[in-house]
Each structure stands twice: as C-alpha cells, then as structure tokens.
Amino acid sequence: SEEYEQMSREQRRAAALDELDGLARKGLVRRSSIRTDEENGI
C-alpha cells in the first residue's frame, strides 16, 4: 500500500504487528511464533 510506503520504520513495525495480531485471531498465524527482529527489520 501507498500508506505503508510512506510510513516510518517504527510505524511499519507497529502496522506489521497489528496485522499479524489480526491474523492470529483468525487462526491463520501462530501467535506464539510472532517475533520482532529490530536489528534486521523483520
């Protein structure tokens, strides 16, 4: 999305975590596996 393109690094990280939280609630992603690697930006 254009919005993601314009976000800062911190905003992108927050948006990614929020998206994965929603996917975990739907059972598409394992909540316990979500891991933020700040150094490598993933």
PDB file of all heavy atoms in Angstrom:
ATOM      1  N   SER A   1       0.827  -1.208   0.000  1.00  0.00           N
ATOM      2  CA  SER A   1       0.000   0.000   0.000  1.00  0.00           C
ATOM      3  C   SER A   1       0.864   1.262   0.000  1.00  0.00           C
ATOM      4  O   SER A   1       2.013   1.260   0.450  1.00  0.00           O
ATOM      5  CB  SER A   1      -0.914   0.013   1.226  1.00  0.00           C
ATOM      6  OG  SER A   1      -0.153   0.124   2.420  1.00  0.00           O
ATOM      7  N   GLU A   2       0.298   2.343  -0.511  1.00  0.00           N
ATOM      8  CA  GLU A   2       0.994   3.628  -0.504  1.00  0.00           C
ATOM      9  C   GLU A   2       1.198   4.119   0.920  1.00  0.00           C
ATOM     10  O   GLU A   2       2.205   4.758   1.228  1.00  0.00           O
ATOM     11  CB  GLU A   2       0.195   4.655  -1.310  1.00  0.00           C
ATOM     12  CG  GLU A   2       0.160   4.382  -2.808  1.00  0.00           C
ATOM     13  CD  GLU A   2      -0.531   5.482  -3.575  1.00  0.00           C
ATOM     14  OE1 GLU A   2      -0.820   6.543  -2.968  1.00  0.00           O
ATOM     15  OE2 GLU A   2      -0.788   5.302  -4.780  1.00  0.00           O
ATOM     16  N   GLU A   3       0.228   3.814   1.794  1.00  0.00           N
ATOM     17  CA  GLU A   3       0.348   4.236   3.189  1.00  0.00           C
ATOM     18  C   GLU A   3       1.573   3.596   3.850  1.00  0.00           C
ATOM     19  O   GLU A   3       2.326   4.265   4.573  1.00  0.00           O
ATOM     20  CB  GLU A   3      -0.915   3.850   3.976  1.00  0.00           C
ATOM     21  CG  GLU A   3      -2.160   4.608   3.571  1.00  0.00           C
ATOM     22  CD  GLU A   3      -2.824   4.025   2.321  1.00  0.00           C
ATOM     23  OE1 GLU A   3      -2.301   2.999   1.776  1.00  0.00           O
ATOM     24  OE2 GLU A   3      -3.828   4.584   1.872  1.00  0.00           O
ATOM     25  N   TYR A   4       1.775   2.299   3.571  1.00  0.00           N
ATOM     26  CA  TYR A   4       2.925   1.605   4.150  1.00  0.00           C
ATOM     27  C   TYR A   4       4.228   2.177   3.602  1.00  0.00           C
ATOM     28  O   TYR A   4       5.215   2.323   4.320  1.00  0.00           O
ATOM     29  CB  TYR A   4       2.827   0.112   3.824  1.00  0.00           C
ATOM     30  CG  TYR A   4       3.779  -0.775   4.598  1.00  0.00           C
ATOM     31  CD1 TYR A   4       3.509  -1.121   5.921  1.00  0.00           C
ATOM     32  CD2 TYR A   4       4.923  -1.286   4.007  1.00  0.00           C
ATOM     33  CE1 TYR A   4       4.363  -1.952   6.631  1.00  0.00           C
ATOM     34  CE2 TYR A   4       5.788  -2.113   4.705  1.00  0.00           C
ATOM     35  CZ  TYR A   4       5.505  -2.443   6.023  1.00  0.00           C
ATOM     36  OH  TYR A   4       6.351  -3.258   6.723  1.00  0.00           O
ATOM     37  N   GLU A   5       4.207   2.537   2.332  1.00  0.00           N
ATOM     38  CA  GLU A   5       5.392   3.104   1.691  1.00  0.00           C
ATOM     39  C   GLU A   5       5.811   4.405   2.355  1.00  0.00           C
ATOM     40  O   GLU A   5       7.000   4.719   2.461  1.00  0.00           O
ATOM     41  CB  GLU A   5       5.104   3.346   0.206  1.00  0.00           C
ATOM     42  CG  GLU A   5       6.295   3.841  -0.589  1.00  0.00           C
ATOM     43  CD  GLU A   5       7.377   2.790  -0.767  1.00  0.00           C
ATOM     44  OE1 GLU A   5       7.065   1.585  -0.686  1.00  0.00           O
ATOM     45  OE2 GLU A   5       8.542   3.187  -0.964  1.00  0.00           O
ATOM     46  N   GLN A   6       4.825   5.178   2.825  1.00  0.00           N
ATOM     47  CA  GLN A   6       5.107   6.481   3.425  1.00  0.00           C
ATOM     48  C   GLN A   6       5.396   6.405   4.921  1.00  0.00           C
ATOM     49  O   GLN A   6       5.807   7.393   5.521  1.00  0.00           O
ATOM     50  CB  GLN A   6       3.909   7.429   3.202  1.00  0.00           C
ATOM     51  CG  GLN A   6       3.574   7.669   1.732  1.00  0.00           C
ATOM     52  CD  GLN A   6       4.741   8.254   0.960  1.00  0.00           C
ATOM     53  OE1 GLN A   6       5.449   9.133   1.467  1.00  0.00           O
ATOM     54  NE2 GLN A   6       4.953   7.777  -0.260  1.00  0.00           N
ATOM     55  N   MET A   7       5.195   5.251   5.527  1.00  0.00           N
ATOM     56  CA  MET A   7       5.378   5.123   6.979  1.00  0.00           C
ATOM     57  C   MET A   7       6.848   5.148   7.362  1.00  0.00           C
ATOM     58  O   MET A   7       7.721   4.767   6.582  1.00  0.00           O
ATOM     59  CB  MET A   7       4.777   3.799   7.473  1.00  0.00           C
ATOM     60  CG  MET A   7       3.275   3.745   7.484  1.00  0.00           C
ATOM     61  SD  MET A   7       2.723   2.111   8.100  1.00  0.00           S
ATOM     62  CE  MET A   7       0.950   2.243   7.863  1.00  0.00           C
ATOM     63  N   SER A   8       7.102   5.561   8.597  1.00  0.00           N
ATOM     64  CA  SER A   8       8.440   5.453   9.158  1.00  0.00           C
ATOM     65  C   SER A   8       8.705   3.996   9.520  1.00  0.00           C
ATOM     66  O   SER A   8       7.794   3.156   9.518  1.00  0.00           O
ATOM     67  CB  SER A   8       8.563   6.316  10.416  1.00  0.00           C
ATOM     68  OG  SER A   8       7.737   5.802  11.448  1.00  0.00           O
ATOM     69  N   ARG A   9       9.936   3.707   9.839  1.00  0.00           N
ATOM     70  CA  ARG A   9      10.301   2.337  10.218  1.00  0.00           C
ATOM     71  C   ARG A   9       9.488   1.863  11.416  1.00  0.00           C
ATOM     72  O   ARG A   9       8.991   0.722  11.446  1.00  0.00           O
ATOM     73  CB  ARG A   9      11.795   2.298  10.542  1.00  0.00           C
ATOM     74  CG  ARG A   9      12.414   0.922  10.688  1.00  0.00           C
ATOM     75  CD  ARG A   9      13.911   1.068  10.883  1.00  0.00           C
ATOM     76  NE  ARG A   9      14.624  -0.188  10.782  1.00  0.00           N
ATOM     77  CZ  ARG A   9      14.824  -1.018  11.774  1.00  0.00           C
ATOM     78  NH1 ARG A   9      14.364  -0.715  12.982  1.00  0.00           N
ATOM     79  NH2 ARG A   9      15.500  -2.141  11.591  1.00  0.00           N
ATOM     80  N   GLU A  10       9.333   2.728  12.408  1.00  0.00           N
ATOM     81  CA  GLU A  10       8.589   2.373  13.618  1.00  0.00           C
ATOM     82  C   GLU A  10       7.111   2.147  13.312  1.00  0.00           C
ATOM     83  O   GLU A  10       6.477   1.234  13.851  1.00  0.00           O
ATOM     84  CB  GLU A  10       8.749   3.471  14.675  1.00  0.00           C
ATOM     85  CG  GLU A  10      10.146   3.604  15.253  1.00  0.00           C
ATOM     86  CD  GLU A  10      11.147   4.197  14.266  1.00  0.00           C
ATOM     87  OE1 GLU A  10      10.700   4.878  13.310  1.00  0.00           O
ATOM     88  OE2 GLU A  10      12.360   3.983  14.441  1.00  0.00           O
ATOM     89  N   GLN A  11       6.562   2.976  12.436  1.00  0.00           N
ATOM     90  CA  GLN A  11       5.158   2.824  12.064  1.00  0.00           C
ATOM     91  C   GLN A  11       4.936   1.529  11.289  1.00  0.00           C
ATOM     92  O   GLN A  11       3.917   0.855  11.477  1.00  0.00           O
ATOM     93  CB  GLN A  11       4.702   4.026  11.239  1.00  0.00           C
ATOM     94  CG  GLN A  11       4.589   5.321  12.016  1.00  0.00           C
ATOM     95  CD  GLN A  11       4.333   6.523  11.125  1.00  0.00           C
ATOM     96  OE1 GLN A  11       4.785   6.566   9.968  1.00  0.00           O
ATOM     97  NE2 GLN A  11       3.615   7.503  11.640  1.00  0.00           N
ATOM     98  N   ARG A  12       5.896   1.173  10.445  1.00  0.00           N
ATOM     99  CA  ARG A  12       5.779  -0.079   9.703  1.00  0.00           C
ATOM    100  C   ARG A  12       5.793  -1.281  10.643  1.00  0.00           C
ATOM    101  O   ARG A  12       5.020  -2.235  10.481  1.00  0.00           O
ATOM    102  CB  ARG A  12       6.932  -0.205   8.697  1.00  0.00           C
ATOM    103  CG  ARG A  12       6.819   0.713   7.494  1.00  0.00           C
ATOM    104  CD  ARG A  12       7.925   0.391   6.512  1.00  0.00           C
ATOM    105  NE  ARG A  12       7.814   1.174   5.303  1.00  0.00           N
ATOM    106  CZ  ARG A  12       8.428   0.892   4.165  1.00  0.00           C
ATOM    107  NH1 ARG A  12       9.212  -0.176   4.101  1.00  0.00           N
ATOM    108  NH2 ARG A  12       8.279   1.647   3.099  1.00  0.00           N
ATOM    109  N   ARG A  13       6.701  -1.239  11.603  1.00  0.00           N
ATOM    110  CA  ARG A  13       6.774  -2.344  12.567  1.00  0.00           C
ATOM    111  C   ARG A  13       5.449  -2.492  13.315  1.00  0.00           C
ATOM    112  O   ARG A  13       4.929  -3.605  13.471  1.00  0.00           O
ATOM    113  CB  ARG A  13       7.914  -2.100  13.554  1.00  0.00           C
ATOM    114  CG  ARG A  13       8.075  -3.216  14.587  1.00  0.00           C
ATOM    115  CD  ARG A  13       9.105  -2.844  15.628  1.00  0.00           C
ATOM    116  NE  ARG A  13       8.726  -1.632  16.325  1.00  0.00           N
ATOM    117  CZ  ARG A  13       9.516  -0.580  16.522  1.00  0.00           C
ATOM    118  NH1 ARG A  13      10.743  -0.606  16.058  1.00  0.00           N
ATOM    119  NH2 ARG A  13       9.084   0.480  17.172  1.00  0.00           N
ATOM    120  N   ALA A  14       4.901  -1.371  13.774  1.00  0.00           N
ATOM    121  CA  ALA A  14       3.623  -1.411  14.505  1.00  0.00           C
ATOM    122  C   ALA A  14       2.497  -1.926  13.622  1.00  0.00           C
ATOM    123  O   ALA A  14       1.657  -2.729  14.067  1.00  0.00           O
ATOM    124  CB  ALA A  14       3.283  -0.019  15.036  1.00  0.00           C
ATOM    125  N   ALA A  15       2.479  -1.493  12.366  1.00  0.00           N
ATOM    126  CA  ALA A  15       1.444  -1.942  11.440  1.00  0.00           C
ATOM    127  C   ALA A  15       1.566  -3.435  11.164  1.00  0.00           C
ATOM    128  O   ALA A  15       0.557  -4.153  11.063  1.00  0.00           O
ATOM    129  CB  ALA A  15       1.526  -1.149  10.138  1.00  0.00           C
ATOM    130  N   ALA A  16       2.799  -3.923  11.033  1.00  0.00           N
ATOM    131  CA  ALA A  16       3.028  -5.351  10.790  1.00  0.00           C
ATOM    132  C   ALA A  16       2.551  -6.182  11.979  1.00  0.00           C
ATOM    133  O   ALA A  16       1.879  -7.214  11.806  1.00  0.00           O
ATOM    134  CB  ALA A  16       4.503  -5.608  10.518  1.00  0.00           C
ATOM    135  N   LEU A  17       2.883  -5.746  13.179  1.00  0.00           N
ATOM    136  CA  LEU A  17       2.460  -6.471  14.374  1.00  0.00           C
ATOM    137  C   LEU A  17       0.943  -6.463  14.527  1.00  0.00           C
ATOM    138  O   LEU A  17       0.333  -7.464  14.918  1.00  0.00           O
ATOM    139  CB  LEU A  17       3.121  -5.864  15.614  1.00  0.00           C
ATOM    140  CG  LEU A  17       4.627  -6.122  15.751  1.00  0.00           C
ATOM    141  CD1 LEU A  17       5.222  -5.275  16.869  1.00  0.00           C
ATOM    142  CD2 LEU A  17       4.895  -7.601  16.003  1.00  0.00           C
ATOM    143  N   ASP A  18       0.330  -5.339  14.205  1.00  0.00           N
ATOM    144  CA  ASP A  18      -1.129  -5.241  14.289  1.00  0.00           C
ATOM    145  C   ASP A  18      -1.788  -6.190  13.282  1.00  0.00           C
ATOM    146  O   ASP A  18      -2.774  -6.859  13.599  1.00  0.00           O
ATOM    147  CB  ASP A  18      -1.559  -3.799  14.022  1.00  0.00           C
ATOM    148  CG  ASP A  18      -3.058  -3.613  14.209  1.00  0.00           C
ATOM    149  OD1 ASP A  18      -3.539  -3.836  15.340  1.00  0.00           O
ATOM    150  OD2 ASP A  18      -3.746  -3.256  13.218  1.00  0.00           O
ATOM    151  N   GLU A  19      -1.223  -6.255  12.074  1.00  0.00           N
ATOM    152  CA  GLU A  19      -1.781  -7.148  11.044  1.00  0.00           C
ATOM    153  C   GLU A  19      -1.656  -8.603  11.466  1.00  0.00           C
ATOM    154  O   GLU A  19      -2.600  -9.402  11.319  1.00  0.00           O
ATOM    155  CB  GLU A  19      -1.047  -6.921   9.719  1.00  0.00           C
ATOM    156  CG  GLU A  19      -1.630  -7.677   8.548  1.00  0.00           C
ATOM    157  CD  GLU A  19      -3.027  -7.194   8.193  1.00  0.00           C
ATOM    158  OE1 GLU A  19      -3.217  -5.974   8.007  1.00  0.00           O
ATOM    159  OE2 GLU A  19      -3.940  -8.057   8.123  1.00  0.00           O
ATOM    160  N   LEU A  20      -0.497  -8.970  12.009  1.00  0.00           N
ATOM    161  CA  LEU A  20      -0.291 -10.350  12.434  1.00  0.00           C
ATOM    162  C   LEU A  20      -1.155 -10.710  13.637  1.00  0.00           C
ATOM    163  O   LEU A  20      -1.581 -11.866  13.773  1.00  0.00           O
ATOM    164  CB  LEU A  20       1.189 -10.583  12.757  1.00  0.00           C
ATOM    165  CG  LEU A  20       2.126 -10.565  11.545  1.00  0.00           C
ATOM    166  CD1 LEU A  20       3.579 -10.666  11.987  1.00  0.00           C
ATOM    167  CD2 LEU A  20       1.785 -11.702  10.588  1.00  0.00           C
ATOM    168  N   ASP A  21      -1.434  -9.729  14.480  1.00  0.00           N
ATOM    169  CA  ASP A  21      -2.335  -9.978  15.607  1.00  0.00           C
ATOM    170  C   ASP A  21      -3.718 -10.360  15.101  1.00  0.00           C
ATOM    171  O   ASP A  21      -4.349 -11.294  15.618  1.00  0.00           O
ATOM    172  CB  ASP A  21      -2.414  -8.732  16.494  1.00  0.00           C
ATOM    173  CG  ASP A  21      -3.328  -8.946  17.695  1.00  0.00           C
ATOM    174  OD1 ASP A  21      -2.979  -9.765  18.564  1.00  0.00           O
ATOM    175  OD2 ASP A  21      -4.396  -8.290  17.743  1.00  0.00           O
ATOM    176  N   GLY A  22      -4.172  -9.647  14.071  1.00  0.00           N
ATOM    177  CA  GLY A  22      -5.467  -9.970  13.489  1.00  0.00           C
ATOM    178  C   GLY A  22      -5.471 -11.338  12.828  1.00  0.00           C
ATOM    179  O   GLY A  22      -6.452 -12.094  12.930  1.00  0.00           O
ATOM    180  N   LEU A  23      -4.395 -11.690  12.150  1.00  0.00           N
ATOM    181  CA  LEU A  23      -4.302 -12.998  11.507  1.00  0.00           C
ATOM    182  C   LEU A  23      -4.239 -14.116  12.542  1.00  0.00           C
ATOM    183  O   LEU A  23      -4.756 -15.220  12.312  1.00  0.00           O
ATOM    184  CB  LEU A  23      -3.075 -13.044  10.602  1.00  0.00           C
ATOM    185  CG  LEU A  23      -3.106 -12.128   9.375  1.00  0.00           C
ATOM    186  CD1 LEU A  23      -1.775 -12.180   8.626  1.00  0.00           C
ATOM    187  CD2 LEU A  23      -4.256 -12.509   8.445  1.00  0.00           C
ATOM    188  N   ALA A  24      -3.603 -13.845  13.681  1.00  0.00           N
ATOM    189  CA  ALA A  24      -3.547 -14.842  14.754  1.00  0.00           C
ATOM    190  C   ALA A  24      -4.945 -15.084  15.328  1.00  0.00           C
ATOM    191  O   ALA A  24      -5.311 -16.220  15.651  1.00  0.00           O
ATOM    192  CB  ALA A  24      -2.586 -14.384  15.847  1.00  0.00           C
ATOM    193  N   ARG A  25      -5.734 -14.020  15.453  1.00  0.00           N
ATOM    194  CA  ARG A  25      -7.108 -14.171  15.965  1.00  0.00           C
ATOM    195  C   ARG A  25      -7.946 -15.021  15.021  1.00  0.00           C
ATOM    196  O   ARG A  25      -8.864 -15.711  15.453  1.00  0.00           O
ATOM    197  CB  ARG A  25      -7.760 -12.805  16.161  1.00  0.00           C
ATOM    198  CG  ARG A  25      -7.225 -12.022  17.356  1.00  0.00           C
ATOM    199  CD  ARG A  25      -8.175 -10.913  17.764  1.00  0.00           C
ATOM    200  NE  ARG A  25      -8.386  -9.966  16.679  1.00  0.00           N
ATOM    201  CZ  ARG A  25      -7.650  -8.887  16.461  1.00  0.00           C
ATOM    202  NH1 ARG A  25      -6.638  -8.619  17.282  1.00  0.00           N
ATOM    203  NH2 ARG A  25      -7.919  -8.067  15.472  1.00  0.00           N
ATOM    204  N   LYS A  26      -7.634 -14.984  13.733  1.00  0.00           N
ATOM    205  CA  LYS A  26      -8.374 -15.779  12.748  1.00  0.00           C
ATOM    206  C   LYS A  26      -7.832 -17.203  12.634  1.00  0.00           C
ATOM    207  O   LYS A  26      -8.362 -18.013  11.877  1.00  0.00           O
ATOM    208  CB  LYS A  26      -8.299 -15.113  11.377  1.00  0.00           C
ATOM    209  CG  LYS A  26      -8.986 -13.759  11.311  1.00  0.00           C
ATOM    210  CD  LYS A  26      -8.797 -13.131   9.924  1.00  0.00           C
ATOM    211  CE  LYS A  26      -9.454 -11.755   9.851  1.00  0.00           C
ATOM    212  NZ  LYS A  26      -9.225 -11.122   8.522  1.00  0.00           N
ATOM    213  N   GLY A  27      -6.746 -17.495  13.349  1.00  0.00           N
ATOM    214  CA  GLY A  27      -6.180 -18.829  13.309  1.00  0.00           C
ATOM    215  C   GLY A  27      -5.301 -19.095  12.106  1.00  0.00           C
ATOM    216  O   GLY A  27      -4.952 -20.244  11.823  1.00  0.00           O
ATOM    217  N   LEU A  28      -4.883 -18.037  11.393  1.00  0.00           N
ATOM    218  CA  LEU A  28      -4.055 -18.199  10.203  1.00  0.00           C
ATOM    219  C   LEU A  28      -2.563 -18.154  10.535  1.00  0.00           C
ATOM    220  O   LEU A  28      -1.733 -18.613   9.743  1.00  0.00           O
ATOM    221  CB  LEU A  28      -4.386 -17.104   9.180  1.00  0.00           C
ATOM    222  CG  LEU A  28      -5.846 -17.050   8.715  1.00  0.00           C
ATOM    223  CD1 LEU A  28      -6.056 -15.860   7.780  1.00  0.00           C
ATOM    224  CD2 LEU A  28      -6.225 -18.351   8.011  1.00  0.00           C
ATOM    225  N   VAL A  29      -2.227 -17.606  11.680  1.00  0.00           N
ATOM    226  CA  VAL A  29      -0.843 -17.454  12.120  1.00  0.00           C
ATOM    227  C   VAL A  29      -0.756 -17.877  13.582  1.00  0.00           C
ATOM    228  O   VAL A  29      -1.674 -17.621  14.366  1.00  0.00           O
ATOM    229  CB  VAL A  29      -0.390 -15.979  11.965  1.00  0.00           C
ATOM    230  CG1 VAL A  29       0.896 -15.713  12.741  1.00  0.00           C
ATOM    231  CG2 VAL A  29      -0.189 -15.643  10.497  1.00  0.00           C
ATOM    232  N   ARG A  30       0.325 -18.557  13.952  1.00  0.00           N
ATOM    233  CA  ARG A  30       0.513 -18.937  15.356  1.00  0.00           C
ATOM    234  C   ARG A  30       0.971 -17.725  16.161  1.00  0.00           C
ATOM    235  O   ARG A  30       2.037 -17.161  15.897  1.00  0.00           O
ATOM    236  CB  ARG A  30       1.562 -20.034  15.460  1.00  0.00           C
ATOM    237  CG  ARG A  30       1.202 -21.315  14.753  1.00  0.00           C
ATOM    238  CD  ARG A  30       2.339 -22.301  14.874  1.00  0.00           C
ATOM    239  NE  ARG A  30       2.126 -23.487  14.065  1.00  0.00           N
ATOM    240  CZ  ARG A  30       3.047 -24.409  13.827  1.00  0.00           C
ATOM    241  NH1 ARG A  30       4.274 -24.251  14.348  1.00  0.00           N
ATOM    242  NH2 ARG A  30       2.785 -25.461  13.092  1.00  0.00           N
ATOM    243  N   ARG A  31       0.184 -17.367  17.130  1.00  0.00           N
ATOM    244  CA  ARG A  31       0.503 -16.176  17.917  1.00  0.00           C
ATOM    245  C   ARG A  31       1.859 -16.303  18.610  1.00  0.00           C
ATOM    246  O   ARG A  31       2.633 -15.341  18.677  1.00  0.00           O
ATOM    247  CB  ARG A  31      -0.593 -15.925  18.963  1.00  0.00           C
ATOM    248  CG  ARG A  31      -0.387 -14.632  19.764  1.00  0.00           C
ATOM    249  CD  ARG A  31      -1.537 -14.407  20.738  1.00  0.00           C
ATOM    250  NE  ARG A  31      -2.801 -14.283  20.031  1.00  0.00           N
ATOM    251  CZ  ARG A  31      -3.214 -13.175  19.425  1.00  0.00           C
ATOM    252  NH1 ARG A  31      -2.440 -12.096  19.435  1.00  0.00           N
ATOM    253  NH2 ARG A  31      -4.376 -13.130  18.827  1.00  0.00           N
ATOM    254  N   SER A  32       2.176 -17.483  19.124  1.00  0.00           N
ATOM    255  CA  SER A  32       3.427 -17.664  19.870  1.00  0.00           C
ATOM    256  C   SER A  32       4.664 -17.547  18.983  1.00  0.00           C
ATOM    257  O   SER A  32       5.779 -17.418  19.485  1.00  0.00           O
ATOM    258  CB  SER A  32       3.427 -19.024  20.566  1.00  0.00           C
ATOM    259  OG  SER A  32       3.387 -20.073  19.597  1.00  0.00           O
ATOM    260  N   SER A  33       4.479 -17.603  17.663  1.00  0.00           N
ATOM    261  CA  SER A  33       5.631 -17.569  16.754  1.00  0.00           C
ATOM    262  C   SER A  33       6.013 -16.154  16.332  1.00  0.00           C
ATOM    263  O   SER A  33       7.086 -15.948  15.758  1.00  0.00           O
ATOM    264  CB  SER A  33       5.312 -18.382  15.489  1.00  0.00           C
ATOM    265  OG  SER A  33       4.357 -17.708  14.680  1.00  0.00           O
ATOM    266  N   ILE A  34       5.162 -15.174  16.593  1.00  0.00           N
ATOM    267  CA  ILE A  34       5.417 -13.806  16.133  1.00  0.00           C
ATOM    268  C   ILE A  34       6.628 -13.246  16.881  1.00  0.00           C
ATOM    269  O   ILE A  34       6.663 -13.207  18.109  1.00  0.00           O
ATOM    270  CB  ILE A  34       4.184 -12.914  16.345  1.00  0.00           C
ATOM    271  CG1 ILE A  34       3.000 -13.472  15.553  1.00  0.00           C
ATOM    272  CG2 ILE A  34       4.470 -11.477  15.909  1.00  0.00           C
ATOM    273  CD1 ILE A  34       1.687 -12.764  15.833  1.00  0.00           C
ATOM    274  N   ARG A  35       7.623 -12.802  16.114  1.00  0.00           N
ATOM    275  CA  ARG A  35       8.882 -12.358  16.716  1.00  0.00           C
ATOM    276  C   ARG A  35       9.413 -11.146  15.975  1.00  0.00           C
ATOM    277  O   ARG A  35       9.540 -11.156  14.748  1.00  0.00           O
ATOM    278  CB  ARG A  35       9.923 -13.484  16.657  1.00  0.00           C
ATOM    279  CG  ARG A  35      11.209 -13.188  17.393  1.00  0.00           C
ATOM    280  CD  ARG A  35      12.187 -14.349  17.236  1.00  0.00           C
ATOM    281  NE  ARG A  35      13.326 -14.222  18.120  1.00  0.00           N
ATOM    282  CZ  ARG A  35      14.348 -13.398  17.919  1.00  0.00           C
ATOM    283  NH1 ARG A  35      14.371 -12.629  16.853  1.00  0.00           N
ATOM    284  NH2 ARG A  35      15.333 -13.343  18.785  1.00  0.00           N
ATOM    285  N   THR A  36       9.751 -10.092  16.710  1.00  0.00           N
ATOM    286  CA  THR A  36      10.295  -8.880  16.109  1.00  0.00           C
ATOM    287  C   THR A  36      11.809  -8.901  16.183  1.00  0.00           C
ATOM    288  O   THR A  36      12.393  -9.029  17.255  1.00  0.00           O
ATOM    289  CB  THR A  36       9.775  -7.622  16.842  1.00  0.00           C
ATOM    290  OG1 THR A  36       8.348  -7.594  16.773  1.00  0.00           O
ATOM    291  CG2 THR A  36      10.325  -6.358  16.190  1.00  0.00           C
ATOM    292  N   ASP A  37      12.436  -8.775  15.017  1.00  0.00           N
ATOM    293  CA  ASP A  37      13.889  -8.675  14.923  1.00  0.00           C
ATOM    294  C   ASP A  37      14.213  -7.232  14.547  1.00  0.00           C
ATOM    295  O   ASP A  37      14.249  -6.881  13.369  1.00  0.00           O
ATOM    296  CB  ASP A  37      14.423  -9.649  13.878  1.00  0.00           C
ATOM    297  CG  ASP A  37      15.950  -9.655  13.792  1.00  0.00           C
ATOM    298  OD1 ASP A  37      16.578  -8.751  14.367  1.00  0.00           O
ATOM    299  OD2 ASP A  37      16.499 -10.551  13.137  1.00  0.00           O
ATOM    300  N   GLU A  38      14.429  -6.413  15.569  1.00  0.00           N
ATOM    301  CA  GLU A  38      14.630  -4.987  15.344  1.00  0.00           C
ATOM    302  C   GLU A  38      15.892  -4.719  14.532  1.00  0.00           C
ATOM    303  O   GLU A  38      15.900  -3.863  13.637  1.00  0.00           O
ATOM    304  CB  GLU A  38      14.729  -4.267  16.699  1.00  0.00           C
ATOM    305  CG  GLU A  38      14.787  -2.754  16.600  1.00  0.00           C
ATOM    306  CD  GLU A  38      13.490  -2.161  16.080  1.00  0.00           C
ATOM    307  OE1 GLU A  38      12.413  -2.679  16.415  1.00  0.00           O
ATOM    308  OE2 GLU A  38      13.567  -1.166  15.321  1.00  0.00           O
ATOM    309  N   GLU A  39      16.939  -5.459  14.808  1.00  0.00           N
ATOM    310  CA  GLU A  39      18.214  -5.211  14.145  1.00  0.00           C
ATOM    311  C   GLU A  39      18.121  -5.426  12.633  1.00  0.00           C
ATOM    312  O   GLU A  39      18.679  -4.656  11.850  1.00  0.00           O
ATOM    313  CB  GLU A  39      19.293  -6.127  14.727  1.00  0.00           C
ATOM    314  CG  GLU A  39      20.665  -5.905  14.118  1.00  0.00           C
ATOM    315  CD  GLU A  39      21.727  -6.784  14.744  1.00  0.00           C
ATOM    316  OE1 GLU A  39      21.389  -7.534  15.696  1.00  0.00           O
ATOM    317  OE2 GLU A  39      22.880  -6.732  14.301  1.00  0.00           O
ATOM    318  N   ASN A  40      17.402  -6.481  12.231  1.00  0.00           N
ATOM    319  CA  ASN A  40      17.309  -6.800  10.810  1.00  0.00           C
ATOM    320  C   ASN A  40      16.020  -6.315  10.162  1.00  0.00           C
ATOM    321  O   ASN A  40      15.814  -6.532   8.969  1.00  0.00           O
ATOM    322  CB  ASN A  40      17.444  -8.316  10.617  1.00  0.00           C
ATOM    323  CG  ASN A  40      18.828  -8.804  10.981  1.00  0.00           C
ATOM    324  OD1 ASN A  40      19.812  -8.487  10.335  1.00  0.00           O
ATOM    325  ND2 ASN A  40      18.916  -9.576  12.071  1.00  0.00           N
ATOM    326  N   GLY A  41      15.163  -5.667  10.941  1.00  0.00           N
ATOM    327  CA  GLY A  41      13.971  -5.059  10.372  1.00  0.00           C
ATOM    328  C   GLY A  41      12.941  -6.044   9.865  1.00  0.00           C
ATOM    329  O   GLY A  41      12.301  -5.806   8.837  1.00  0.00           O
ATOM    330  N   ILE A  42      12.757  -7.153  10.590  1.00  0.00           N
ATOM    331  CA  ILE A  42      11.820  -8.187  10.152  1.00  0.00           C
ATOM    332  C   ILE A  42      10.943  -8.621  11.321  1.00  0.00           C
ATOM    333  O   ILE A  42      11.429  -8.798  12.443  1.00  0.00           O
ATOM    334  CB  ILE A  42      12.571  -9.426   9.616  1.00  0.00           C
ATOM    335  CG1 ILE A  42      13.369  -9.069   8.358  1.00  0.00           C
ATOM    336  CG2 ILE A  42      11.614 -10.571   9.320  1.00  0.00           C
ATOM    337  CD1 ILE A  42      14.266 -10.194   7.863  1.00  0.00           C
TER     338      ILE A  42
END
